C-alpha atoms as a PDB file:
ATOM      1  CA  MET A   1      27.746 114.781  81.920  1.00  0.00           C
ATOM      2  CA  THR A   2      27.077 111.392  83.680  1.00  0.00           C
ATOM      3  CA  LEU A   3      24.141 111.968  86.410  1.00  0.00           C
ATOM      4  CA  THR A   4      24.952 109.867  89.453  1.00  0.00           C
ATOM      5  CA  ARG A   5      22.625 107.767  91.117  1.00  0.00           C
ATOM      6  CA  ARG A   6      22.139 109.687  93.843  1.00  0.00           C
ATOM      7  CA  ASP A   7      22.499 113.191  92.087  1.00  0.00           C
ATOM      8  CA  PHE A   8      19.393 110.981  90.874  1.00  0.00           C
ATOM      9  CA  ALA A   9      17.714 110.531  93.842  1.00  0.00           C
ATOM     10  CA  ARG A  10      18.166 114.250  95.199  1.00  0.00           C
ATOM     11  CA  SER A  11      16.684 115.273  91.588  1.00  0.00           C
ATOM     12  CA  VAL A  12      13.493 112.565  92.230  1.00  0.00           C
ATOM     13  CA  ALA A  13      12.761 113.374  95.884  1.00  0.00           C
ATOM     14  CA  VAL A  14      12.984 116.998  94.792  1.00  0.00           C
ATOM     15  CA  ALA A  15      10.132 117.108  91.995  1.00  0.00           C
ATOM     16  CA  ALA A  16       7.954 114.504  93.826  1.00  0.00           C
ATOM     17  CA  VAL A  17       8.195 117.015  96.977  1.00  0.00           C
ATOM     18  CA  ALA A  18       8.310 120.240  94.840  1.00  0.00           C
ATOM     19  CA  PRO A  19       4.607 121.078  93.209  1.00  0.00           C
ATOM     20  CA  LEU A  20       3.031 119.919  96.911  1.00  0.00           C
ATOM     21  CA  ALA A  21       4.646 123.211  98.365  1.00  0.00           C
ATOM     22  CA  VAL A  22       3.446 126.966  98.152  1.00  0.00           C
ATOM     23  CA  VAL A  23       5.510 129.625  99.242  1.00  0.00           C
ATOM     24  CA  PRO A  24       3.536 132.809 100.658  1.00  0.00           C
ATOM     25  CA  ALA A  25       4.265 136.981  98.235  1.00  0.00           C
ATOM     26  CA  GLY A  26       7.700 137.444 100.347  1.00  0.00           C
ATOM     27  CA  GLY A  27       9.465 135.313 100.145  1.00  0.00           C
ATOM     28  CA  LEU A  28      11.033 132.568 102.644  1.00  0.00           C
ATOM     29  CA  GLU A  29      13.516 135.490 104.848  1.00  0.00           C
ATOM     30  CA  ALA A  30      11.016 137.692 105.294  1.00  0.00           C
ATOM     31  CA  LYS A  31       8.326 135.391 106.452  1.00  0.00           C
ATOM     32  CA  ALA A  32      10.712 132.576 108.183  1.00  0.00           C
ATOM     33  CA  ALA A  33      11.055 132.910 111.643  1.00  0.00           C
ATOM     34  CA  PRO A  34      15.211 132.961 112.803  1.00  0.00           C
ATOM     35  CA  ALA A  35      15.401 129.388 114.122  1.00  0.00           C
ATOM     36  CA  GLN A  36      13.844 127.890 110.813  1.00  0.00           C
ATOM     37  CA  GLN A  37      16.315 129.849 108.353  1.00  0.00           C
ATOM     38  CA  THR A  38      18.935 128.407 110.718  1.00  0.00           C
ATOM     39  CA  GLN A  39      17.408 124.956 110.182  1.00  0.00           C
ATOM     40  CA  THR A  40      16.222 125.035 106.221  1.00  0.00           C
ATOM     41  CA  PRO A  41      19.043 123.841 103.857  1.00  0.00           C
ATOM     42  CA  PRO A  42      20.152 126.474 100.907  1.00  0.00           C
ATOM     43  CA  GLU A  43      18.545 124.299  98.525  1.00  0.00           C
ATOM     44  CA  ALA A  44      15.240 124.150 101.170  1.00  0.00           C
ATOM     45  CA  ARG A  45      15.097 127.842 100.370  1.00  0.00           C
ATOM     46  CA  ALA A  46      15.535 128.124  97.267  1.00  0.00           C
ATOM     47  CA  LEU A  47      12.869 125.149  96.508  1.00  0.00           C
ATOM     48  CA  GLY A  48      10.410 127.680  98.673  1.00  0.00           C
ATOM     49  CA  GLU A  49      11.032 130.272  96.849  1.00  0.00           C
ATOM     50  CA  TRP A  50      10.687 128.764  93.166  1.00  0.00           C
ATOM     51  CA  ILE A  51       6.952 127.265  94.858  1.00  0.00           C
ATOM     52  CA  ARG A  52       5.863 130.809  96.244  1.00  0.00           C
ATOM     53  CA  ALA A  53       6.053 132.470  92.241  1.00  0.00           C
ATOM     54  CA  ARG A  54       4.960 129.666  90.780  1.00  0.00           C
ATOM     55  CA  TYR A  55       2.273 128.440  93.327  1.00  0.00           C
ATOM     56  CA  GLY A  56       2.091 131.722  96.241  1.00  0.00           C
ATOM     57  CA  ASP A  57      -2.025 132.224  96.077  1.00  0.00           C
ATOM     58  CA  ARG A  58      -3.399 128.708  97.286  1.00  0.00           C
ATOM     59  CA  LEU A  59      -1.263 127.865 100.416  1.00  0.00           C
ATOM     60  CA  THR A  60      -1.351 129.932 103.844  1.00  0.00           C
ATOM     61  CA  ALA A  61       2.375 130.714 105.529  1.00  0.00           C
ATOM     62  CA  ASN A  62       1.823 128.228 108.055  1.00  0.00           C
ATOM     63  CA  GLN A  63       1.211 125.746 105.283  1.00  0.00           C
ATOM     64  CA  PHE A  64       3.416 126.736 103.408  1.00  0.00           C
ATOM     65  CA  PHE A  65       7.191 126.426 106.187  1.00  0.00           C
ATOM     66  CA  ALA A  66       5.035 123.192 107.403  1.00  0.00           C
ATOM     67  CA  VAL A  67       5.669 121.961 103.316  1.00  0.00           C
ATOM     68  CA  VAL A  68      10.046 123.964 103.544  1.00  0.00           C
ATOM     69  CA  ASP A  69      10.300 121.986 106.283  1.00  0.00           C
ATOM     70  CA  ASP A  70       8.749 118.952 105.038  1.00  0.00           C
ATOM     71  CA  ILE A  71      11.542 120.008 101.780  1.00  0.00           C
ATOM     72  CA  GLY A  72      14.146 119.700 104.241  1.00  0.00           C
ATOM     73  CA  GLY A  73      14.050 117.040 105.225  1.00  0.00           C
ATOM     74  CA  VAL A  74      13.969 115.776 102.028  1.00  0.00           C
ATOM     75  CA  VAL A  75      17.478 117.809 101.569  1.00  0.00           C
ATOM     76  CA  GLN A  76      18.588 116.348 104.448  1.00  0.00           C
ATOM     77  CA  ARG A  77      17.989 112.280 104.279  1.00  0.00           C
ATOM     78  CA  ALA A  78      19.447 113.005 100.867  1.00  0.00           C
ATOM     79  CA  ALA A  79      22.488 114.294 102.504  1.00  0.00           C
ATOM     80  CA  GLN A  80      22.551 111.421 104.268  1.00  0.00           C
ATOM     81  CA  LEU A  81      21.617 108.462 101.508  1.00  0.00           C
ATOM     82  CA  GLY A  82      25.172 110.284  99.775  1.00  0.00           C
ATOM     83  CA  GLN A  83      27.225 109.934 102.291  1.00  0.00           C
ATOM     84  CA  VAL A  84      26.630 105.996 101.194  1.00  0.00           C
ATOM     85  CA  LYS A  85      29.578 104.024  99.734  1.00  0.00           C
ATOM     86  CA  LEU A  86      28.691 102.492  96.900  1.00  0.00           C
ATOM     87  CA  ALA A  87      30.325 100.160  94.731  1.00  0.00           C
ATOM     88  CA  ASN A  88      30.553 100.040  90.938  1.00  0.00           C
ATOM     89  CA  GLY A  89      29.208  96.292  91.537  1.00  0.00           C
ATOM     90  CA  ASP A  90      26.559  97.137  94.070  1.00  0.00           C
ATOM     91  CA  GLU A  91      22.692  96.069  92.985  1.00  0.00           C
ATOM     92  CA  PRO A  92      19.638  96.059  94.497  1.00  0.00           C
ATOM     93  CA  ASP A  93      18.486  93.658  97.088  1.00  0.00           C
ATOM     94  CA  PHE A  94      16.241  91.520  94.637  1.00  0.00           C
ATOM     95  CA  ALA A  95      16.046  90.737  90.833  1.00  0.00           C
ATOM     96  CA  PHE A  96      13.506  92.071  87.749  1.00  0.00           C
ATOM     97  CA  ARG A  97      11.439  89.780  86.036  1.00  0.00           C
ATOM     98  CA  PRO A  98       9.112  90.808  83.902  1.00  0.00           C
ATOM     99  CA  TYR A  99       5.508  89.206  84.730  1.00  0.00           C
ATOM    100  CA  ARG A 100       5.233  87.853  80.480  1.00  0.00           C
ATOM    101  CA  GLY A 101       1.379  86.212  81.249  1.00  0.00           C
ATOM    102  CA  PRO A 102       0.220  82.887  82.565  1.00  0.00           C
ATOM    103  CA  ARG A 103       2.618  79.812  81.795  1.00  0.00           C
END
């Protein structure tokens, strides 16, 4: 299975946010308000459960929900980026030139 740019960008975004979040014991559904449950993407809820299991004793409930909301925003932005159609020849607007010292 090949990894696409979109999948890579999505996994990097989620991995960057995941260590910063913590979920209180009891899970997302037990503590979240109904409005938060409908607006939070399923990916963010799943990551929230993982974070709760791993780092559950380090954040308050309000801090946890703020982090889950942030993760939800990252997931939604990643979905928006995934909607941009790229051709096979599309490249960044810059050319990478490694620094080789003063000439």
